[in-house]
Amino acid sequence: MKVGITGGIGSGKSTVCRLFAQKGVAVYDSDAEAKRLMTSSEALRAGIVARFGAESYRGGELNRAWLADRVFRDDAARADLNALVHPAVMADFAAWAERQSGDYVILESAILFDAGLEGCVDRTVAVLAPLELRIERTCRRDGCDAEAVRRRIAAQLDDDALCARADFTLVNILEEELEPNVALLDRRFRHEAQHAGH
């Protein structure tokens, strides 16, 4: 069984995924894997260079800041980049999931619904947190200013949309309150996976 975990920037998806990982669940971090594939996959590199130009790579490495600057200002450019990256990530996730043991695996993706990736998983979980807390967490983590974080949040689905589309929601304010809720979902997913097809 495959479970997709999503949530806006600063909501604490990574914290939730770490708690699941502590219970022995394999987690695929689609953001980290996308970065890896954008450098390691020949086909993906060729597609990015064809669309955005040779400037996309410097000394064999992805020119991340330059590319991010292009796609965050231009919705069409962002859509084009996503159309190149998402199929590569989903194929990689499917192959990775086949190699895992355990009752279920987790796909961690900030843009699960935006990118239409919910079709690749059996259950979805949205991680939510109050806006000001999300801004504070992101500023602390990335060393950026609140205005930059607000812009990034504005480009993502809001909590109402996430709630409407996700099978389950987790509110992440305090980790000690989060842990028992993750434990409940873990038991539920294991039960579902073990009884699937019976």
N, C-alpha and C. Protein backbone atom coordinates (compact mmCIF):
# COMPACT_ATOMS: atom_id res chain seq x y z
N MET A 1 0.84 -1.19 0.00
CA MET A 1 0.00 0.00 0.00
C MET A 1 0.88 1.24 0.00
N LYS A 2 0.43 2.27 -0.70
CA LYS A 2 1.20 3.52 -0.79
C LYS A 2 0.39 4.66 -0.17
N VAL A 3 1.04 5.42 0.71
CA VAL A 3 0.40 6.54 1.39
C VAL A 3 1.13 7.83 1.00
N GLY A 4 0.38 8.80 0.51
CA GLY A 4 0.97 10.09 0.16
C GLY A 4 0.81 11.07 1.31
N ILE A 5 1.90 11.71 1.71
CA ILE A 5 1.84 12.72 2.77
C ILE A 5 2.22 14.06 2.17
N THR A 6 1.33 15.04 2.35
CA THR A 6 1.56 16.35 1.77
C THR A 6 1.25 17.44 2.79
N GLY A 7 1.56 18.66 2.42
CA GLY A 7 1.30 19.80 3.30
C GLY A 7 2.13 20.97 2.79
N GLY A 8 1.68 22.16 3.10
CA GLY A 8 2.40 23.35 2.64
C GLY A 8 3.74 23.51 3.33
N ILE A 9 4.50 24.45 2.84
CA ILE A 9 5.82 24.75 3.40
C ILE A 9 5.68 25.12 4.89
N GLY A 10 6.54 24.52 5.71
CA GLY A 10 6.53 24.83 7.13
C GLY A 10 5.44 24.14 7.93
N SER A 11 4.65 23.28 7.27
CA SER A 11 3.57 22.58 8.00
C SER A 11 4.13 21.47 8.88
N GLY A 12 5.30 20.98 8.51
CA GLY A 12 5.93 19.92 9.29
C GLY A 12 5.76 18.53 8.71
N LYS A 13 5.66 18.45 7.38
CA LYS A 13 5.60 17.14 6.70
C LYS A 13 6.78 16.27 7.10
N SER A 14 7.97 16.86 7.12
CA SER A 14 9.18 16.08 7.40
C SER A 14 9.14 15.52 8.81
N THR A 15 8.59 16.29 9.76
CA THR A 15 8.44 15.81 11.14
C THR A 15 7.51 14.61 11.17
N VAL A 16 6.38 14.72 10.48
CA VAL A 16 5.42 13.62 10.42
C VAL A 16 6.07 12.39 9.79
N CYS A 17 6.79 12.59 8.70
CA CYS A 17 7.44 11.46 8.01
C CYS A 17 8.52 10.83 8.89
N ARG A 18 9.23 11.65 9.68
CA ARG A 18 10.23 11.12 10.60
C ARG A 18 9.56 10.22 11.66
N LEU A 19 8.39 10.64 12.15
CA LEU A 19 7.67 9.84 13.14
C LEU A 19 7.21 8.50 12.55
N PHE A 20 6.76 8.52 11.29
CA PHE A 20 6.40 7.26 10.62
C PHE A 20 7.66 6.39 10.42
N ALA A 21 8.75 7.04 10.02
CA ALA A 21 10.01 6.30 9.79
C ALA A 21 10.48 5.62 11.08
N GLN A 22 10.26 6.29 12.22
CA GLN A 22 10.65 5.70 13.51
C GLN A 22 9.83 4.45 13.80
N LYS A 23 8.70 4.29 13.14
CA LYS A 23 7.88 3.09 13.29
C LYS A 23 8.24 2.05 12.22
N GLY A 24 9.32 2.29 11.52
CA GLY A 24 9.81 1.31 10.55
C GLY A 24 9.20 1.43 9.16
N VAL A 25 8.53 2.55 8.88
CA VAL A 25 7.91 2.73 7.57
C VAL A 25 8.93 3.40 6.63
N ALA A 26 9.06 2.85 5.44
CA ALA A 26 9.98 3.44 4.44
C ALA A 26 9.35 4.70 3.86
N VAL A 27 10.14 5.78 3.80
CA VAL A 27 9.64 7.08 3.31
C VAL A 27 10.45 7.51 2.09
N TYR A 28 9.73 7.86 1.04
CA TYR A 28 10.35 8.37 -0.19
C TYR A 28 10.16 9.88 -0.20
N ASP A 29 11.25 10.63 -0.08
CA ASP A 29 11.19 12.09 -0.05
C ASP A 29 11.27 12.58 -1.51
N SER A 30 10.11 12.90 -2.09
CA SER A 30 10.09 13.20 -3.52
C SER A 30 10.86 14.48 -3.86
N ASP A 31 10.94 15.42 -2.92
CA ASP A 31 11.69 16.64 -3.17
C ASP A 31 13.18 16.34 -3.30
N ALA A 32 13.71 15.59 -2.34
CA ALA A 32 15.14 15.21 -2.37
C ALA A 32 15.44 14.34 -3.59
N GLU A 33 14.53 13.41 -3.90
CA GLU A 33 14.76 12.51 -5.04
C GLU A 33 14.67 13.27 -6.36
N ALA A 34 13.78 14.25 -6.43
CA ALA A 34 13.69 15.07 -7.65
C ALA A 34 15.02 15.80 -7.88
N LYS A 35 15.59 16.35 -6.81
CA LYS A 35 16.89 17.04 -6.93
C LYS A 35 17.97 16.08 -7.43
N ARG A 36 17.96 14.87 -6.87
CA ARG A 36 18.94 13.86 -7.28
C ARG A 36 18.75 13.52 -8.76
N LEU A 37 17.51 13.26 -9.17
CA LEU A 37 17.24 12.87 -10.55
C LEU A 37 17.58 13.98 -11.54
N MET A 38 17.38 15.25 -11.13
CA MET A 38 17.66 16.37 -12.03
C MET A 38 19.15 16.46 -12.34
N THR A 39 19.98 15.83 -11.50
CA THR A 39 21.41 15.79 -11.78
C THR A 39 21.82 14.45 -12.39
N SER A 40 21.21 13.34 -11.88
CA SER A 40 21.71 12.01 -12.26
C SER A 40 21.04 11.41 -13.50
N SER A 41 19.82 11.84 -13.82
CA SER A 41 19.12 11.25 -14.96
C SER A 41 19.48 11.99 -16.25
N GLU A 42 20.11 11.26 -17.17
CA GLU A 42 20.52 11.86 -18.46
C GLU A 42 19.31 12.41 -19.23
N ALA A 43 18.24 11.62 -19.25
CA ALA A 43 17.05 12.03 -20.01
C ALA A 43 16.43 13.30 -19.44
N LEU A 44 16.38 13.36 -18.11
CA LEU A 44 15.80 14.53 -17.46
C LEU A 44 16.67 15.77 -17.67
N ARG A 45 17.99 15.59 -17.56
CA ARG A 45 18.92 16.71 -17.81
C ARG A 45 18.74 17.26 -19.22
N ALA A 46 18.64 16.34 -20.18
CA ALA A 46 18.50 16.75 -21.58
C ALA A 46 17.21 17.56 -21.76
N GLY A 47 16.13 17.11 -21.11
CA GLY A 47 14.85 17.81 -21.20
C GLY A 47 14.92 19.21 -20.59
N ILE A 48 15.59 19.33 -19.45
CA ILE A 48 15.70 20.62 -18.76
C ILE A 48 16.54 21.59 -19.59
N VAL A 49 17.64 21.10 -20.16
CA VAL A 49 18.50 21.95 -20.99
C VAL A 49 17.76 22.39 -22.26
N ALA A 50 17.00 21.45 -22.85
CA ALA A 50 16.25 21.77 -24.07
C ALA A 50 15.22 22.88 -23.80
N ARG A 51 14.60 22.86 -22.62
CA ARG A 51 13.55 23.83 -22.32
C ARG A 51 14.11 25.14 -21.75
N PHE A 52 15.12 25.04 -20.85
CA PHE A 52 15.57 26.23 -20.13
C PHE A 52 16.96 26.72 -20.52
N GLY A 53 17.66 25.93 -21.35
CA GLY A 53 18.98 26.38 -21.81
C GLY A 53 20.14 25.79 -21.00
N ALA A 54 21.34 25.91 -21.59
CA ALA A 54 22.54 25.32 -21.00
C ALA A 54 22.86 25.91 -19.63
N GLU A 55 22.37 27.13 -19.38
CA GLU A 55 22.59 27.82 -18.11
C GLU A 55 22.00 27.04 -16.92
N SER A 56 21.11 26.08 -17.22
CA SER A 56 20.46 25.29 -16.17
C SER A 56 21.45 24.45 -15.36
N TYR A 57 22.61 24.17 -15.97
CA TYR A 57 23.64 23.38 -15.28
C TYR A 57 24.96 24.14 -15.30
N ARG A 58 25.68 24.04 -14.19
CA ARG A 58 27.01 24.66 -14.10
C ARG A 58 27.98 23.63 -13.57
N GLY A 59 29.00 23.34 -14.33
CA GLY A 59 29.99 22.35 -13.89
C GLY A 59 29.36 21.01 -13.56
N GLY A 60 28.36 20.63 -14.35
CA GLY A 60 27.73 19.32 -14.17
C GLY A 60 26.65 19.29 -13.10
N GLU A 61 26.53 20.37 -12.31
CA GLU A 61 25.52 20.42 -11.24
C GLU A 61 24.36 21.32 -11.67
N LEU A 62 23.18 21.00 -11.16
CA LEU A 62 22.00 21.82 -11.44
C LEU A 62 22.23 23.23 -10.88
N ASN A 63 21.96 24.23 -11.70
CA ASN A 63 22.10 25.63 -11.28
C ASN A 63 20.78 26.02 -10.59
N ARG A 64 20.64 25.53 -9.36
CA ARG A 64 19.36 25.57 -8.65
C ARG A 64 18.78 26.97 -8.48
N ALA A 65 19.61 27.90 -8.00
CA ALA A 65 19.12 29.27 -7.74
C ALA A 65 18.64 29.93 -9.03
N TRP A 66 19.41 29.74 -10.08
CA TRP A 66 19.06 30.33 -11.38
C TRP A 66 17.73 29.77 -11.89
N LEU A 67 17.58 28.45 -11.80
CA LEU A 67 16.37 27.80 -12.31
C LEU A 67 15.15 28.16 -11.44
N ALA A 68 15.35 28.17 -10.13
CA ALA A 68 14.26 28.52 -9.21
C ALA A 68 13.76 29.93 -9.50
N ASP A 69 14.70 30.83 -9.76
CA ASP A 69 14.35 32.22 -10.07
C ASP A 69 13.45 32.28 -11.31
N ARG A 70 13.79 31.45 -12.31
CA ARG A 70 12.98 31.41 -13.54
C ARG A 70 11.56 30.91 -13.27
N VAL A 71 11.47 29.78 -12.56
CA VAL A 71 10.16 29.11 -12.47
C VAL A 71 9.24 29.71 -11.42
N PHE A 72 9.79 30.38 -10.40
CA PHE A 72 8.89 30.97 -9.40
C PHE A 72 8.22 32.24 -9.89
N ARG A 73 8.78 32.85 -10.94
CA ARG A 73 8.18 34.07 -11.48
C ARG A 73 7.22 33.79 -12.62
N ASP A 74 7.30 32.58 -13.16
CA ASP A 74 6.62 32.30 -14.41
C ASP A 74 5.87 30.96 -14.31
N ASP A 75 4.53 31.05 -14.23
CA ASP A 75 3.73 29.84 -14.04
C ASP A 75 3.91 28.84 -15.18
N ALA A 76 4.04 29.35 -16.40
CA ALA A 76 4.20 28.45 -17.55
C ALA A 76 5.52 27.70 -17.46
N ALA A 77 6.58 28.41 -17.05
CA ALA A 77 7.90 27.78 -16.90
C ALA A 77 7.85 26.73 -15.79
N ARG A 78 7.14 27.06 -14.70
CA ARG A 78 7.04 26.10 -13.59
C ARG A 78 6.29 24.85 -14.04
N ALA A 79 5.21 25.06 -14.79
CA ALA A 79 4.44 23.92 -15.30
C ALA A 79 5.30 23.05 -16.23
N ASP A 80 6.11 23.70 -17.05
CA ASP A 80 6.99 22.96 -17.97
C ASP A 80 8.02 22.13 -17.20
N LEU A 81 8.60 22.75 -16.16
CA LEU A 81 9.60 22.03 -15.36
C LEU A 81 8.94 20.83 -14.67
N ASN A 82 7.76 21.06 -14.09
CA ASN A 82 7.05 19.98 -13.41
C ASN A 82 6.70 18.84 -14.37
N ALA A 83 6.33 19.19 -15.60
CA ALA A 83 5.97 18.18 -16.60
C ALA A 83 7.17 17.30 -16.96
N LEU A 84 8.37 17.85 -16.80
CA LEU A 84 9.59 17.07 -17.03
C LEU A 84 9.94 16.22 -15.80
N VAL A 85 9.86 16.85 -14.62
CA VAL A 85 10.36 16.21 -13.40
C VAL A 85 9.40 15.16 -12.83
N HIS A 86 8.09 15.48 -12.80
CA HIS A 86 7.16 14.57 -12.12
C HIS A 86 7.11 13.15 -12.67
N PRO A 87 7.06 12.97 -14.01
CA PRO A 87 7.03 11.58 -14.50
C PRO A 87 8.29 10.81 -14.11
N ALA A 88 9.45 11.49 -14.10
CA ALA A 88 10.70 10.84 -13.71
C ALA A 88 10.66 10.43 -12.24
N VAL A 89 10.13 11.31 -11.40
CA VAL A 89 10.04 11.02 -9.96
C VAL A 89 9.06 9.88 -9.72
N MET A 90 7.90 9.90 -10.40
CA MET A 90 6.91 8.85 -10.18
C MET A 90 7.41 7.48 -10.63
N ALA A 91 8.13 7.44 -11.72
CA ALA A 91 8.71 6.17 -12.18
C ALA A 91 9.74 5.67 -11.17
N ASP A 92 10.54 6.59 -10.63
CA ASP A 92 11.55 6.24 -9.63
C ASP A 92 10.88 5.75 -8.34
N PHE A 93 9.79 6.44 -7.93
CA PHE A 93 9.06 6.04 -6.73
C PHE A 93 8.47 4.64 -6.88
N ALA A 94 7.88 4.37 -8.03
CA ALA A 94 7.26 3.06 -8.27
C ALA A 94 8.31 1.95 -8.17
N ALA A 95 9.47 2.18 -8.77
CA ALA A 95 10.55 1.19 -8.73
C ALA A 95 11.06 1.01 -7.30
N TRP A 96 11.20 2.14 -6.58
CA TRP A 96 11.65 2.11 -5.18
C TRP A 96 10.65 1.34 -4.31
N ALA A 97 9.35 1.62 -4.48
CA ALA A 97 8.31 0.98 -3.67
C ALA A 97 8.34 -0.54 -3.84
N GLU A 98 8.62 -1.00 -5.05
CA GLU A 98 8.71 -2.44 -5.33
C GLU A 98 9.81 -3.11 -4.50
N ARG A 99 10.85 -2.35 -4.21
CA ARG A 99 12.01 -2.91 -3.49
C ARG A 99 11.82 -2.91 -1.97
N GLN A 100 10.77 -2.27 -1.46
CA GLN A 100 10.58 -2.15 -0.01
C GLN A 100 9.80 -3.33 0.54
N SER A 101 10.09 -3.67 1.80
CA SER A 101 9.24 -4.64 2.49
C SER A 101 8.42 -3.83 3.50
N GLY A 102 7.54 -4.49 4.23
CA GLY A 102 6.70 -3.73 5.16
C GLY A 102 5.28 -3.63 4.61
N ASP A 103 4.36 -3.22 5.47
CA ASP A 103 2.95 -3.19 5.08
C ASP A 103 2.64 -2.07 4.10
N TYR A 104 3.30 -0.93 4.28
CA TYR A 104 3.04 0.20 3.40
C TYR A 104 4.26 1.11 3.33
N VAL A 105 4.27 1.96 2.31
CA VAL A 105 5.36 2.93 2.14
C VAL A 105 4.75 4.33 2.05
N ILE A 106 5.59 5.34 2.26
CA ILE A 106 5.12 6.72 2.23
C ILE A 106 5.81 7.50 1.11
N LEU A 107 5.00 8.25 0.38
CA LEU A 107 5.50 9.21 -0.60
C LEU A 107 5.32 10.60 0.02
N GLU A 108 6.43 11.25 0.34
CA GLU A 108 6.36 12.61 0.89
C GLU A 108 6.47 13.60 -0.27
N SER A 109 5.43 14.42 -0.46
CA SER A 109 5.44 15.38 -1.57
C SER A 109 4.68 16.64 -1.20
N ALA A 110 5.36 17.78 -1.34
CA ALA A 110 4.72 19.07 -1.03
C ALA A 110 3.60 19.37 -2.03
N ILE A 111 3.73 18.80 -3.23
CA ILE A 111 2.79 19.16 -4.30
C ILE A 111 2.01 17.95 -4.80
N LEU A 112 1.68 17.06 -3.88
CA LEU A 112 0.97 15.82 -4.22
C LEU A 112 -0.28 16.10 -5.05
N PHE A 113 -1.13 17.03 -4.57
CA PHE A 113 -2.38 17.33 -5.28
C PHE A 113 -2.15 18.28 -6.45
N ASP A 114 -1.31 19.30 -6.25
CA ASP A 114 -1.04 20.28 -7.32
C ASP A 114 -0.55 19.56 -8.57
N ALA A 115 0.28 18.52 -8.36
CA ALA A 115 0.90 17.83 -9.49
C ALA A 115 0.08 16.63 -9.97
N GLY A 116 -1.08 16.41 -9.31
CA GLY A 116 -1.92 15.28 -9.73
C GLY A 116 -1.31 13.93 -9.41
N LEU A 117 -0.50 13.88 -8.35
CA LEU A 117 0.19 12.63 -8.01
C LEU A 117 -0.64 11.72 -7.10
N GLU A 118 -1.82 12.20 -6.67
CA GLU A 118 -2.61 11.37 -5.75
C GLU A 118 -3.04 10.05 -6.39
N GLY A 119 -3.03 10.02 -7.74
CA GLY A 119 -3.37 8.77 -8.43
C GLY A 119 -2.31 7.68 -8.25
N CYS A 120 -1.14 8.07 -7.75
CA CYS A 120 -0.04 7.11 -7.56
C CYS A 120 -0.06 6.47 -6.18
N VAL A 121 -0.98 6.94 -5.31
CA VAL A 121 -1.03 6.42 -3.94
C VAL A 121 -2.44 5.95 -3.59
N ASP A 122 -2.54 5.14 -2.53
CA ASP A 122 -3.84 4.58 -2.12
C ASP A 122 -4.55 5.44 -1.09
N ARG A 123 -3.78 6.13 -0.25
CA ARG A 123 -4.33 7.01 0.79
C ARG A 123 -3.54 8.30 0.83
N THR A 124 -4.21 9.38 1.24
CA THR A 124 -3.50 10.67 1.33
C THR A 124 -3.69 11.28 2.71
N VAL A 125 -2.62 11.91 3.20
CA VAL A 125 -2.63 12.59 4.50
C VAL A 125 -2.13 14.01 4.29
N ALA A 126 -2.90 14.99 4.75
CA ALA A 126 -2.46 16.39 4.68
C ALA A 126 -2.00 16.83 6.07
N VAL A 127 -0.83 17.46 6.12
CA VAL A 127 -0.30 17.99 7.38
C VAL A 127 -0.60 19.49 7.40
N LEU A 128 -1.24 19.93 8.47
CA LEU A 128 -1.67 21.32 8.58
C LEU A 128 -1.02 21.98 9.79
N ALA A 129 -0.84 23.29 9.72
CA ALA A 129 -0.34 24.07 10.86
C ALA A 129 -0.77 25.51 10.65
N PRO A 130 -0.92 26.28 11.75
CA PRO A 130 -1.31 27.69 11.60
C PRO A 130 -0.29 28.47 10.77
N LEU A 131 -0.80 29.41 9.99
CA LEU A 131 0.03 30.18 9.05
C LEU A 131 1.25 30.82 9.71
N GLU A 132 1.05 31.51 10.82
CA GLU A 132 2.19 32.22 11.45
C GLU A 132 3.26 31.24 11.91
N LEU A 133 2.83 30.09 12.39
CA LEU A 133 3.78 29.07 12.83
C LEU A 133 4.57 28.53 11.63
N ARG A 134 3.89 28.35 10.51
CA ARG A 134 4.56 27.87 9.29
C ARG A 134 5.61 28.88 8.82
N ILE A 135 5.26 30.16 8.88
CA ILE A 135 6.20 31.21 8.45
C ILE A 135 7.42 31.22 9.37
N GLU A 136 7.15 31.16 10.68
CA GLU A 136 8.24 31.18 11.66
C GLU A 136 9.17 29.98 11.48
N ARG A 137 8.60 28.78 11.29
CA ARG A 137 9.42 27.57 11.09
C ARG A 137 10.29 27.68 9.85
N THR A 138 9.69 28.16 8.76
CA THR A 138 10.42 28.23 7.49
C THR A 138 11.53 29.27 7.55
N CYS A 139 11.25 30.41 8.14
CA CYS A 139 12.29 31.46 8.29
C CYS A 139 13.46 30.91 9.10
N ARG A 140 13.15 30.17 10.17
CA ARG A 140 14.19 29.61 11.04
C ARG A 140 15.00 28.57 10.27
N ARG A 141 14.32 27.73 9.49
CA ARG A 141 14.99 26.65 8.78
C ARG A 141 15.82 27.16 7.60
N ASP A 142 15.23 28.07 6.81
CA ASP A 142 15.87 28.50 5.55
C ASP A 142 16.62 29.82 5.67
N GLY A 143 16.49 30.48 6.84
CA GLY A 143 17.15 31.77 7.01
C GLY A 143 16.65 32.83 6.04
N CYS A 144 15.35 32.79 5.72
CA CYS A 144 14.80 33.77 4.78
C CYS A 144 13.82 34.69 5.50
N ASP A 145 13.35 35.71 4.80
CA ASP A 145 12.43 36.65 5.44
C ASP A 145 10.98 36.20 5.26
N ALA A 146 10.11 36.71 6.13
CA ALA A 146 8.71 36.29 6.17
C ALA A 146 7.99 36.54 4.84
N GLU A 147 8.35 37.63 4.18
CA GLU A 147 7.68 37.98 2.92
C GLU A 147 7.95 36.93 1.86
N ALA A 148 9.18 36.44 1.79
CA ALA A 148 9.54 35.39 0.82
C ALA A 148 8.73 34.12 1.10
N VAL A 149 8.56 33.82 2.39
CA VAL A 149 7.80 32.62 2.77
C VAL A 149 6.33 32.79 2.39
N ARG A 150 5.79 33.98 2.64
CA ARG A 150 4.39 34.23 2.28
C ARG A 150 4.15 34.03 0.77
N ARG A 151 5.12 34.46 -0.03
CA ARG A 151 5.01 34.28 -1.50
C ARG A 151 4.97 32.80 -1.85
N ARG A 152 5.83 32.02 -1.19
CA ARG A 152 5.87 30.59 -1.49
C ARG A 152 4.58 29.91 -1.04
N ILE A 153 4.05 30.33 0.12
CA ILE A 153 2.80 29.76 0.62
C ILE A 153 1.65 30.09 -0.33
N ALA A 154 1.66 31.31 -0.86
CA ALA A 154 0.60 31.76 -1.77
C ALA A 154 0.57 30.92 -3.05
N ALA A 155 1.72 30.35 -3.42
CA ALA A 155 1.81 29.56 -4.66
C ALA A 155 1.33 28.12 -4.44
N GLN A 156 1.06 27.75 -3.17
CA GLN A 156 0.64 26.38 -2.86
C GLN A 156 -0.87 26.32 -2.57
N LEU A 157 -1.40 25.11 -2.57
CA LEU A 157 -2.80 24.92 -2.20
C LEU A 157 -3.01 25.36 -0.76
N ASP A 158 -4.15 25.98 -0.46
CA ASP A 158 -4.39 26.38 0.94
C ASP A 158 -4.95 25.19 1.73
N ASP A 159 -5.01 25.38 3.06
CA ASP A 159 -5.42 24.28 3.95
C ASP A 159 -6.82 23.77 3.65
N ASP A 160 -7.73 24.66 3.28
CA ASP A 160 -9.11 24.23 2.97
C ASP A 160 -9.11 23.26 1.80
N ALA A 161 -8.32 23.59 0.78
CA ALA A 161 -8.24 22.72 -0.40
C ALA A 161 -7.59 21.38 -0.03
N LEU A 162 -6.57 21.43 0.80
CA LEU A 162 -5.90 20.20 1.22
C LEU A 162 -6.87 19.31 2.01
N CYS A 163 -7.61 19.93 2.95
CA CYS A 163 -8.58 19.18 3.77
C CYS A 163 -9.63 18.52 2.89
N ALA A 164 -10.08 19.25 1.90
CA ALA A 164 -11.15 18.75 1.03
C ALA A 164 -10.69 17.53 0.22
N ARG A 165 -9.40 17.49 -0.10
CA ARG A 165 -8.91 16.44 -1.00
C ARG A 165 -8.23 15.27 -0.29
N ALA A 166 -7.73 15.50 0.92
CA ALA A 166 -6.98 14.43 1.62
C ALA A 166 -7.93 13.46 2.33
N ASP A 167 -7.51 12.21 2.45
CA ASP A 167 -8.29 11.22 3.19
C ASP A 167 -8.21 11.48 4.70
N PHE A 168 -7.03 11.93 5.15
CA PHE A 168 -6.80 12.19 6.57
C PHE A 168 -6.04 13.50 6.73
N THR A 169 -6.20 14.14 7.89
CA THR A 169 -5.41 15.34 8.18
C THR A 169 -4.74 15.19 9.54
N LEU A 170 -3.55 15.76 9.66
CA LEU A 170 -2.83 15.81 10.93
C LEU A 170 -2.50 17.27 11.19
N VAL A 171 -2.83 17.77 12.38
CA VAL A 171 -2.48 19.15 12.72
C VAL A 171 -1.18 19.10 13.52
N ASN A 172 -0.17 19.81 13.02
CA ASN A 172 1.16 19.74 13.62
C ASN A 172 1.51 21.06 14.30
N ILE A 173 1.20 21.15 15.59
CA ILE A 173 1.59 22.33 16.37
C ILE A 173 2.67 21.90 17.36
N LEU A 174 2.37 20.90 18.18
CA LEU A 174 3.35 20.36 19.13
C LEU A 174 3.62 18.90 18.79
N GLU A 175 4.91 18.53 18.76
CA GLU A 175 5.25 17.17 18.36
C GLU A 175 4.68 16.12 19.31
N GLU A 176 4.63 16.45 20.62
CA GLU A 176 4.11 15.44 21.56
C GLU A 176 2.62 15.18 21.35
N GLU A 177 1.91 16.15 20.79
CA GLU A 177 0.50 15.92 20.46
C GLU A 177 0.36 15.19 19.12
N LEU A 178 1.37 15.34 18.29
CA LEU A 178 1.35 14.74 16.97
C LEU A 178 1.60 13.23 17.04
N GLU A 179 2.50 12.82 17.93
CA GLU A 179 2.94 11.42 17.99
C GLU A 179 1.79 10.42 18.12
N PRO A 180 0.85 10.61 19.09
CA PRO A 180 -0.23 9.62 19.19
C PRO A 180 -1.12 9.57 17.95
N ASN A 181 -1.27 10.70 17.26
CA ASN A 181 -2.08 10.72 16.04
C ASN A 181 -1.40 9.97 14.90
N VAL A 182 -0.07 10.11 14.83
CA VAL A 182 0.70 9.34 13.83
C VAL A 182 0.59 7.85 14.15
N ALA A 183 0.68 7.51 15.45
CA ALA A 183 0.58 6.09 15.86
C ALA A 183 -0.77 5.49 15.45
N LEU A 184 -1.84 6.28 15.62
CA LEU A 184 -3.18 5.82 15.22
C LEU A 184 -3.25 5.54 13.73
N LEU A 185 -2.73 6.48 12.93
CA LEU A 185 -2.75 6.30 11.47
C LEU A 185 -1.89 5.11 11.07
N ASP A 186 -0.74 4.97 11.72
CA ASP A 186 0.15 3.84 11.41
C ASP A 186 -0.59 2.52 11.62
N ARG A 187 -1.30 2.39 12.74
CA ARG A 187 -2.05 1.16 13.00
C ARG A 187 -3.13 0.94 11.95
N ARG A 188 -3.80 2.02 11.61
CA ARG A 188 -4.88 1.94 10.61
C ARG A 188 -4.34 1.49 9.25
N PHE A 189 -3.22 2.11 8.81
CA PHE A 189 -2.65 1.77 7.50
C PHE A 189 -2.15 0.33 7.48
N ARG A 190 -1.53 -0.11 8.58
CA ARG A 190 -1.05 -1.50 8.63
C ARG A 190 -2.23 -2.47 8.53
N HIS A 191 -3.30 -2.16 9.26
CA HIS A 191 -4.50 -3.01 9.25
C HIS A 191 -5.08 -3.07 7.82
N GLU A 192 -5.19 -1.89 7.20
CA GLU A 192 -5.74 -1.85 5.83
C GLU A 192 -4.89 -2.63 4.85
N ALA A 193 -3.56 -2.45 4.97
CA ALA A 193 -2.64 -3.12 4.04
C ALA A 193 -2.71 -4.65 4.21
N GLN A 194 -2.80 -5.09 5.47
CA GLN A 194 -2.83 -6.53 5.74
C GLN A 194 -4.14 -7.17 5.29
N HIS A 195 -5.20 -6.36 5.28
CA HIS A 195 -6.51 -6.91 4.92
C HIS A 195 -6.94 -6.56 3.49
N ALA A 196 -6.07 -5.91 2.76
CA ALA A 196 -6.39 -5.55 1.37
C ALA A 196 -6.53 -6.83 0.55
N GLY A 197 -7.59 -6.86 -0.23
CA GLY A 197 -7.78 -8.02 -1.11
C GLY A 197 -8.35 -9.25 -0.42
N HIS A 198 -8.71 -9.12 0.88
CA HIS A 198 -9.34 -10.26 1.57
C HIS A 198 -10.83 -10.25 1.36
